[in-house]
Amino acid sequence: ELDFAQTTAGAPEPPPEIFVPSLYGLTEPAAR
C-alpha cells in the first residue's frame, strides 16, 4: 500500500543543469 500526498500547484521546476561532456578527438557527427 502506497500513499502519495497531495501535489501543490507551484511554479514549474527549472530545467536541470547539464555538465558539458569532453568532446576532444571526436568527429563532428559524433560530437553532434
PDB file of all heavy atoms in Angstrom:
ATOM      1  N   GLU A   1       0.854  -1.191   0.000  1.00  0.00           N
ATOM      2  CA  GLU A   1       0.000   0.000   0.000  1.00  0.00           C
ATOM      3  C   GLU A   1       0.892   1.243   0.000  1.00  0.00           C
ATOM      4  O   GLU A   1       1.734   1.415   0.891  1.00  0.00           O
ATOM      5  CB  GLU A   1      -0.917   0.011   1.229  1.00  0.00           C
ATOM      6  CG  GLU A   1      -1.851  -1.188   1.327  1.00  0.00           C
ATOM      7  CD  GLU A   1      -2.992  -1.123   0.332  1.00  0.00           C
ATOM      8  OE1 GLU A   1      -3.179  -0.052  -0.288  1.00  0.00           O
ATOM      9  OE2 GLU A   1      -3.697  -2.145   0.167  1.00  0.00           O
ATOM     10  N   LEU A   2       0.710   2.086  -0.989  1.00  0.00           N
ATOM     11  CA  LEU A   2       1.489   3.317  -1.095  1.00  0.00           C
ATOM     12  C   LEU A   2       0.548   4.513  -1.086  1.00  0.00           C
ATOM     13  O   LEU A   2      -0.456   4.534  -1.801  1.00  0.00           O
ATOM     14  CB  LEU A   2       2.314   3.321  -2.394  1.00  0.00           C
ATOM     15  CG  LEU A   2       3.319   2.169  -2.570  1.00  0.00           C
ATOM     16  CD1 LEU A   2       3.962   2.270  -3.942  1.00  0.00           C
ATOM     17  CD2 LEU A   2       4.360   2.212  -1.471  1.00  0.00           C
ATOM     18  N   ASP A   3       0.846   5.519  -0.286  1.00  0.00           N
ATOM     19  CA  ASP A   3       0.072   6.750  -0.228  1.00  0.00           C
ATOM     20  C   ASP A   3       0.959   7.921  -0.645  1.00  0.00           C
ATOM     21  O   ASP A   3       2.073   8.096  -0.127  1.00  0.00           O
ATOM     22  CB  ASP A   3      -0.461   6.993   1.195  1.00  0.00           C
ATOM     23  CG  ASP A   3      -1.536   5.981   1.583  1.00  0.00           C
ATOM     24  OD1 ASP A   3      -2.285   5.561   0.673  1.00  0.00           O
ATOM     25  OD2 ASP A   3      -1.613   5.613   2.767  1.00  0.00           O
ATOM     26  N   PHE A   4       0.469   8.720  -1.577  1.00  0.00           N
ATOM     27  CA  PHE A   4       1.192   9.894  -2.057  1.00  0.00           C
ATOM     28  C   PHE A   4       0.418  11.141  -1.666  1.00  0.00           C
ATOM     29  O   PHE A   4      -0.791  11.246  -1.910  1.00  0.00           O
ATOM     30  CB  PHE A   4       1.375   9.834  -3.576  1.00  0.00           C
ATOM     31  CG  PHE A   4       2.232   8.689  -4.036  1.00  0.00           C
ATOM     32  CD1 PHE A   4       1.683   7.438  -4.278  1.00  0.00           C
ATOM     33  CD2 PHE A   4       3.605   8.859  -4.202  1.00  0.00           C
ATOM     34  CE1 PHE A   4       2.466   6.379  -4.681  1.00  0.00           C
ATOM     35  CE2 PHE A   4       4.398   7.803  -4.610  1.00  0.00           C
ATOM     36  CZ  PHE A   4       3.834   6.559  -4.851  1.00  0.00           C
ATOM     37  N   ALA A   5       1.124  12.074  -1.055  1.00  0.00           N
ATOM     38  CA  ALA A   5       0.480  13.297  -0.575  1.00  0.00           C
ATOM     39  C   ALA A   5       0.007  14.144  -1.752  1.00  0.00           C
ATOM     40  O   ALA A   5       0.432  13.980  -2.902  1.00  0.00           O
ATOM     41  CB  ALA A   5       1.449  14.092   0.297  1.00  0.00           C
ATOM     42  N   GLN A   6      -0.884  15.084  -1.441  1.00  0.00           N
ATOM     43  CA  GLN A   6      -1.411  15.988  -2.464  1.00  0.00           C
ATOM     44  C   GLN A   6      -0.286  16.818  -3.072  1.00  0.00           C
ATOM     45  O   GLN A   6       0.568  17.339  -2.364  1.00  0.00           O
ATOM     46  CB  GLN A   6      -2.465  16.908  -1.837  1.00  0.00           C
ATOM     47  CG  GLN A   6      -3.058  17.916  -2.808  1.00  0.00           C
ATOM     48  CD  GLN A   6      -4.121  18.761  -2.121  1.00  0.00           C
ATOM     49  OE1 GLN A   6      -4.442  18.550  -0.953  1.00  0.00           O
ATOM     50  NE2 GLN A   6      -4.668  19.718  -2.836  1.00  0.00           N
ATOM     51  N   THR A   7      -0.286  16.919  -4.397  1.00  0.00           N
ATOM     52  CA  THR A   7       0.719  17.739  -5.078  1.00  0.00           C
ATOM     53  C   THR A   7       0.260  19.184  -5.100  1.00  0.00           C
ATOM     54  O   THR A   7      -0.925  19.480  -5.182  1.00  0.00           O
ATOM     55  CB  THR A   7       0.934  17.252  -6.513  1.00  0.00           C
ATOM     56  OG1 THR A   7      -0.317  17.294  -7.216  1.00  0.00           O
ATOM     57  CG2 THR A   7       1.468  15.843  -6.540  1.00  0.00           C
ATOM     58  N   THR A   8       1.199  20.090  -5.001  1.00  0.00           N
ATOM     59  CA  THR A   8       0.878  21.519  -4.985  1.00  0.00           C
ATOM     60  C   THR A   8       1.072  22.121  -6.358  1.00  0.00           C
ATOM     61  O   THR A   8       1.933  21.703  -7.128  1.00  0.00           O
ATOM     62  CB  THR A   8       1.775  22.267  -3.973  1.00  0.00           C
ATOM     63  OG1 THR A   8       3.143  22.043  -4.343  1.00  0.00           O
ATOM     64  CG2 THR A   8       1.542  21.744  -2.570  1.00  0.00           C
ATOM     65  N   ALA A   9       0.274  23.095  -6.655  1.00  0.00           N
ATOM     66  CA  ALA A   9       0.325  23.770  -7.958  1.00  0.00           C
ATOM     67  C   ALA A   9       1.340  24.889  -7.926  1.00  0.00           C
ATOM     68  O   ALA A   9       1.005  26.070  -8.012  1.00  0.00           O
ATOM     69  CB  ALA A   9      -1.048  24.300  -8.331  1.00  0.00           C
ATOM     70  N   GLY A  10       2.596  24.536  -7.731  1.00  0.00           N
ATOM     71  CA  GLY A  10       3.639  25.553  -7.702  1.00  0.00           C
ATOM     72  C   GLY A  10       4.119  25.906  -9.097  1.00  0.00           C
ATOM     73  O   GLY A  10       3.609  25.428 -10.103  1.00  0.00           O
ATOM     74  N   ALA A  11       5.087  26.771  -9.141  1.00  0.00           N
ATOM     75  CA  ALA A  11       5.659  27.162 -10.435  1.00  0.00           C
ATOM     76  C   ALA A  11       6.428  25.999 -11.029  1.00  0.00           C
ATOM     77  O   ALA A  11       6.924  25.137 -10.314  1.00  0.00           O
ATOM     78  CB  ALA A  11       6.589  28.359 -10.249  1.00  0.00           C
ATOM     79  N   PRO A  12       6.496  25.920 -12.368  1.00  0.00           N
ATOM     80  CA  PRO A  12       7.246  24.830 -12.999  1.00  0.00           C
ATOM     81  C   PRO A  12       8.692  24.800 -12.531  1.00  0.00           C
ATOM     82  O   PRO A  12       9.323  25.842 -12.336  1.00  0.00           O
ATOM     83  CB  PRO A  12       7.169  25.181 -14.503  1.00  0.00           C
ATOM     84  CG  PRO A  12       5.965  26.057 -14.625  1.00  0.00           C
ATOM     85  CD  PRO A  12       5.897  26.833 -13.341  1.00  0.00           C
ATOM     86  N   GLU A  13       9.195  23.585 -12.308  1.00  0.00           N
ATOM     87  CA  GLU A  13      10.569  23.446 -11.849  1.00  0.00           C
ATOM     88  C   GLU A  13      11.541  23.879 -12.946  1.00  0.00           C
ATOM     89  O   GLU A  13      11.302  23.641 -14.129  1.00  0.00           O
ATOM     90  CB  GLU A  13      10.839  21.991 -11.458  1.00  0.00           C
ATOM     91  CG  GLU A  13      10.004  21.512 -10.288  1.00  0.00           C
ATOM     92  CD  GLU A  13      10.325  20.074  -9.942  1.00  0.00           C
ATOM     93  OE1 GLU A  13      11.199  19.500 -10.628  1.00  0.00           O
ATOM     94  OE2 GLU A  13       9.718  19.532  -9.009  1.00  0.00           O
ATOM     95  N   PRO A  14      12.637  24.529 -12.581  1.00  0.00           N
ATOM     96  CA  PRO A  14      13.616  24.940 -13.593  1.00  0.00           C
ATOM     97  C   PRO A  14      14.275  23.713 -14.209  1.00  0.00           C
ATOM     98  O   PRO A  14      14.392  22.670 -13.565  1.00  0.00           O
ATOM     99  CB  PRO A  14      14.622  25.778 -12.795  1.00  0.00           C
ATOM    100  CG  PRO A  14      14.504  25.262 -11.392  1.00  0.00           C
ATOM    101  CD  PRO A  14      13.062  24.901 -11.216  1.00  0.00           C
ATOM    102  N   PRO A  15      14.679  23.814 -15.474  1.00  0.00           N
ATOM    103  CA  PRO A  15      15.338  22.657 -16.108  1.00  0.00           C
ATOM    104  C   PRO A  15      16.642  22.331 -15.404  1.00  0.00           C
ATOM    105  O   PRO A  15      17.344  23.218 -14.915  1.00  0.00           O
ATOM    106  CB  PRO A  15      15.581  23.152 -17.540  1.00  0.00           C
ATOM    107  CG  PRO A  15      15.580  24.653 -17.439  1.00  0.00           C
ATOM    108  CD  PRO A  15      14.619  24.978 -16.352  1.00  0.00           C
ATOM    109  N   PRO A  16      16.976  21.059 -15.297  1.00  0.00           N
ATOM    110  CA  PRO A  16      18.205  20.669 -14.597  1.00  0.00           C
ATOM    111  C   PRO A  16      19.438  21.099 -15.370  1.00  0.00           C
ATOM    112  O   PRO A  16      19.420  21.196 -16.596  1.00  0.00           O
ATOM    113  CB  PRO A  16      18.103  19.142 -14.535  1.00  0.00           C
ATOM    114  CG  PRO A  16      17.253  18.787 -15.719  1.00  0.00           C
ATOM    115  CD  PRO A  16      16.265  19.908 -15.854  1.00  0.00           C
ATOM    116  N   GLU A  17      20.518  21.362 -14.627  1.00  0.00           N
ATOM    117  CA  GLU A  17      21.776  21.692 -15.280  1.00  0.00           C
ATOM    118  C   GLU A  17      22.405  20.440 -15.876  1.00  0.00           C
ATOM    119  O   GLU A  17      22.263  19.353 -15.348  1.00  0.00           O
ATOM    120  CB  GLU A  17      22.732  22.337 -14.283  1.00  0.00           C
ATOM    121  CG  GLU A  17      22.355  23.755 -13.889  1.00  0.00           C
ATOM    122  CD  GLU A  17      23.404  24.368 -12.982  1.00  0.00           C
ATOM    123  OE1 GLU A  17      24.080  23.616 -12.270  1.00  0.00           O
ATOM    124  OE2 GLU A  17      23.533  25.600 -13.008  1.00  0.00           O
ATOM    125  N   ILE A  18      23.102  20.630 -16.986  1.00  0.00           N
ATOM    126  CA  ILE A  18      23.808  19.544 -17.646  1.00  0.00           C
ATOM    127  C   ILE A  18      25.291  19.885 -17.634  1.00  0.00           C
ATOM    128  O   ILE A  18      25.671  21.042 -17.843  1.00  0.00           O
ATOM    129  CB  ILE A  18      23.314  19.360 -19.094  1.00  0.00           C
ATOM    130  CG1 ILE A  18      21.826  19.019 -19.094  1.00  0.00           C
ATOM    131  CG2 ILE A  18      24.101  18.276 -19.811  1.00  0.00           C
ATOM    132  CD1 ILE A  18      21.232  18.992 -20.475  1.00  0.00           C
ATOM    133  N   PHE A  19      26.132  18.899 -17.394  1.00  0.00           N
ATOM    134  CA  PHE A  19      27.569  19.129 -17.416  1.00  0.00           C
ATOM    135  C   PHE A  19      28.098  18.803 -18.810  1.00  0.00           C
ATOM    136  O   PHE A  19      27.827  17.746 -19.368  1.00  0.00           O
ATOM    137  CB  PHE A  19      28.266  18.282 -16.345  1.00  0.00           C
ATOM    138  CG  PHE A  19      27.919  18.720 -14.945  1.00  0.00           C
ATOM    139  CD1 PHE A  19      26.912  18.090 -14.233  1.00  0.00           C
ATOM    140  CD2 PHE A  19      28.594  19.790 -14.357  1.00  0.00           C
ATOM    141  CE1 PHE A  19      26.589  18.506 -12.950  1.00  0.00           C
ATOM    142  CE2 PHE A  19      28.271  20.212 -13.075  1.00  0.00           C
ATOM    143  CZ  PHE A  19      27.266  19.570 -12.378  1.00  0.00           C
ATOM    144  N   VAL A  20      28.835  19.743 -19.373  1.00  0.00           N
ATOM    145  CA  VAL A  20      29.356  19.602 -20.727  1.00  0.00           C
ATOM    146  C   VAL A  20      30.298  18.403 -20.796  1.00  0.00           C
ATOM    147  O   VAL A  20      31.222  18.293 -19.988  1.00  0.00           O
ATOM    148  CB  VAL A  20      30.098  20.884 -21.158  1.00  0.00           C
ATOM    149  CG1 VAL A  20      30.675  20.721 -22.568  1.00  0.00           C
ATOM    150  CG2 VAL A  20      29.162  22.078 -21.098  1.00  0.00           C
ATOM    151  N   PRO A  21      30.079  17.498 -21.750  1.00  0.00           N
ATOM    152  CA  PRO A  21      30.970  16.335 -21.870  1.00  0.00           C
ATOM    153  C   PRO A  21      32.261  16.710 -22.598  1.00  0.00           C
ATOM    154  O   PRO A  21      32.340  17.739 -23.268  1.00  0.00           O
ATOM    155  CB  PRO A  21      30.145  15.355 -22.713  1.00  0.00           C
ATOM    156  CG  PRO A  21      29.305  16.252 -23.569  1.00  0.00           C
ATOM    157  CD  PRO A  21      28.973  17.445 -22.718  1.00  0.00           C
ATOM    158  N   SER A  22      33.254  15.873 -22.454  1.00  0.00           N
ATOM    159  CA  SER A  22      34.506  16.068 -23.190  1.00  0.00           C
ATOM    160  C   SER A  22      34.330  15.534 -24.602  1.00  0.00           C
ATOM    161  O   SER A  22      33.968  14.380 -24.808  1.00  0.00           O
ATOM    162  CB  SER A  22      35.651  15.329 -22.488  1.00  0.00           C
ATOM    163  OG  SER A  22      36.835  15.415 -23.276  1.00  0.00           O
ATOM    164  N   LEU A  23      34.590  16.386 -25.590  1.00  0.00           N
ATOM    165  CA  LEU A  23      34.394  16.031 -26.991  1.00  0.00           C
ATOM    166  C   LEU A  23      35.718  15.972 -27.751  1.00  0.00           C
ATOM    167  O   LEU A  23      35.729  15.815 -28.973  1.00  0.00           O
ATOM    168  CB  LEU A  23      33.457  17.046 -27.658  1.00  0.00           C
ATOM    169  CG  LEU A  23      32.107  17.235 -26.952  1.00  0.00           C
ATOM    170  CD1 LEU A  23      31.371  18.418 -27.550  1.00  0.00           C
ATOM    171  CD2 LEU A  23      31.261  15.979 -27.070  1.00  0.00           C
ATOM    172  N   TYR A  24      36.839  16.114 -27.060  1.00  0.00           N
ATOM    173  CA  TYR A  24      38.146  16.168 -27.711  1.00  0.00           C
ATOM    174  C   TYR A  24      38.397  14.896 -28.524  1.00  0.00           C
ATOM    175  O   TYR A  24      38.199  13.771 -28.050  1.00  0.00           O
ATOM    176  CB  TYR A  24      39.250  16.333 -26.667  1.00  0.00           C
ATOM    177  CG  TYR A  24      40.646  16.374 -27.268  1.00  0.00           C
ATOM    178  CD1 TYR A  24      41.133  17.534 -27.854  1.00  0.00           C
ATOM    179  CD2 TYR A  24      41.448  15.229 -27.268  1.00  0.00           C
ATOM    180  CE1 TYR A  24      42.407  17.564 -28.410  1.00  0.00           C
ATOM    181  CE2 TYR A  24      42.715  15.249 -27.819  1.00  0.00           C
ATOM    182  CZ  TYR A  24      43.196  16.421 -28.394  1.00  0.00           C
ATOM    183  OH  TYR A  24      44.435  16.457 -28.952  1.00  0.00           O
ATOM    184  N   GLY A  25      38.812  15.084 -29.777  1.00  0.00           N
ATOM    185  CA  GLY A  25      39.168  13.964 -30.634  1.00  0.00           C
ATOM    186  C   GLY A  25      38.012  13.359 -31.397  1.00  0.00           C
ATOM    187  O   GLY A  25      38.225  12.481 -32.243  1.00  0.00           O
ATOM    188  N   LEU A  26      36.780  13.807 -31.132  1.00  0.00           N
ATOM    189  CA  LEU A  26      35.622  13.253 -31.841  1.00  0.00           C
ATOM    190  C   LEU A  26      35.452  13.941 -33.188  1.00  0.00           C
ATOM    191  O   LEU A  26      35.802  15.103 -33.368  1.00  0.00           O
ATOM    192  CB  LEU A  26      34.346  13.429 -31.021  1.00  0.00           C
ATOM    193  CG  LEU A  26      34.263  12.691 -29.683  1.00  0.00           C
ATOM    194  CD1 LEU A  26      32.928  12.965 -29.017  1.00  0.00           C
ATOM    195  CD2 LEU A  26      34.461  11.193 -29.876  1.00  0.00           C
ATOM    196  N   THR A  27      34.882  13.221 -34.152  1.00  0.00           N
ATOM    197  CA  THR A  27      34.495  13.849 -35.416  1.00  0.00           C
ATOM    198  C   THR A  27      33.272  14.728 -35.177  1.00  0.00           C
ATOM    199  O   THR A  27      32.593  14.600 -34.147  1.00  0.00           O
ATOM    200  CB  THR A  27      34.169  12.791 -36.471  1.00  0.00           C
ATOM    201  OG1 THR A  27      33.054  12.009 -36.017  1.00  0.00           O
ATOM    202  CG2 THR A  27      35.365  11.876 -36.726  1.00  0.00           C
ATOM    203  N   GLU A  28      32.986  15.609 -36.124  1.00  0.00           N
ATOM    204  CA  GLU A  28      31.830  16.497 -35.948  1.00  0.00           C
ATOM    205  C   GLU A  28      30.527  15.720 -35.804  1.00  0.00           C
ATOM    206  O   GLU A  28      29.745  16.013 -34.874  1.00  0.00           O
ATOM    207  CB  GLU A  28      31.733  17.472 -37.119  1.00  0.00           C
ATOM    208  CG  GLU A  28      30.544  18.427 -36.990  1.00  0.00           C
ATOM    209  CD  GLU A  28      30.414  19.359 -38.178  1.00  0.00           C
ATOM    210  OE1 GLU A  28      31.343  19.408 -39.020  1.00  0.00           O
ATOM    211  OE2 GLU A  28      29.366  20.027 -38.292  1.00  0.00           O
ATOM    212  N   PRO A  29      30.232  14.716 -36.659  1.00  0.00           N
ATOM    213  CA  PRO A  29      28.977  13.971 -36.476  1.00  0.00           C
ATOM    214  C   PRO A  29      28.885  13.282 -35.123  1.00  0.00           C
ATOM    215  O   PRO A  29      27.838  13.291 -34.478  1.00  0.00           O
ATOM    216  CB  PRO A  29      29.000  12.954 -37.626  1.00  0.00           C
ATOM    217  CG  PRO A  29      29.868  13.571 -38.668  1.00  0.00           C
ATOM    218  CD  PRO A  29      30.926  14.304 -37.903  1.00  0.00           C
ATOM    219  N   ALA A  30      30.003  12.693 -34.668  1.00  0.00           N
ATOM    220  CA  ALA A  30      29.984  12.001 -33.379  1.00  0.00           C
ATOM    221  C   ALA A  30      29.756  12.989 -32.240  1.00  0.00           C
ATOM    222  O   ALA A  30      29.005  12.701 -31.297  1.00  0.00           O
ATOM    223  CB  ALA A  30      31.296  11.241 -33.173  1.00  0.00           C
ATOM    224  N   ALA A  31      30.403  14.155 -32.312  1.00  0.00           N
ATOM    225  CA  ALA A  31      30.223  15.162 -31.267  1.00  0.00           C
ATOM    226  C   ALA A  31      28.783  15.669 -31.248  1.00  0.00           C
ATOM    227  O   ALA A  31      28.178  15.850 -30.182  1.00  0.00           O
ATOM    228  CB  ALA A  31      31.195  16.321 -31.491  1.00  0.00           C
ATOM    229  N   ARG A  32      28.205  15.895 -32.439  1.00  0.00           N
ATOM    230  CA  ARG A  32      26.816  16.367 -32.504  1.00  0.00           C
ATOM    231  C   ARG A  32      25.849  15.332 -31.930  1.00  0.00           C
ATOM    232  O   ARG A  32      24.877  15.690 -31.249  1.00  0.00           O
ATOM    233  CB  ARG A  32      26.441  16.707 -33.948  1.00  0.00           C
ATOM    234  CG  ARG A  32      27.069  17.996 -34.472  1.00  0.00           C
ATOM    235  CD  ARG A  32      26.579  18.337 -35.866  1.00  0.00           C
ATOM    236  NE  ARG A  32      27.132  19.569 -36.374  1.00  0.00           N
ATOM    237  CZ  ARG A  32      26.644  20.783 -36.130  1.00  0.00           C
ATOM    238  NH1 ARG A  32      25.571  20.908 -35.368  1.00  0.00           N
ATOM    239  NH2 ARG A  32      27.208  21.866 -36.639  1.00  0.00           N
TER     240      ARG A  32
END
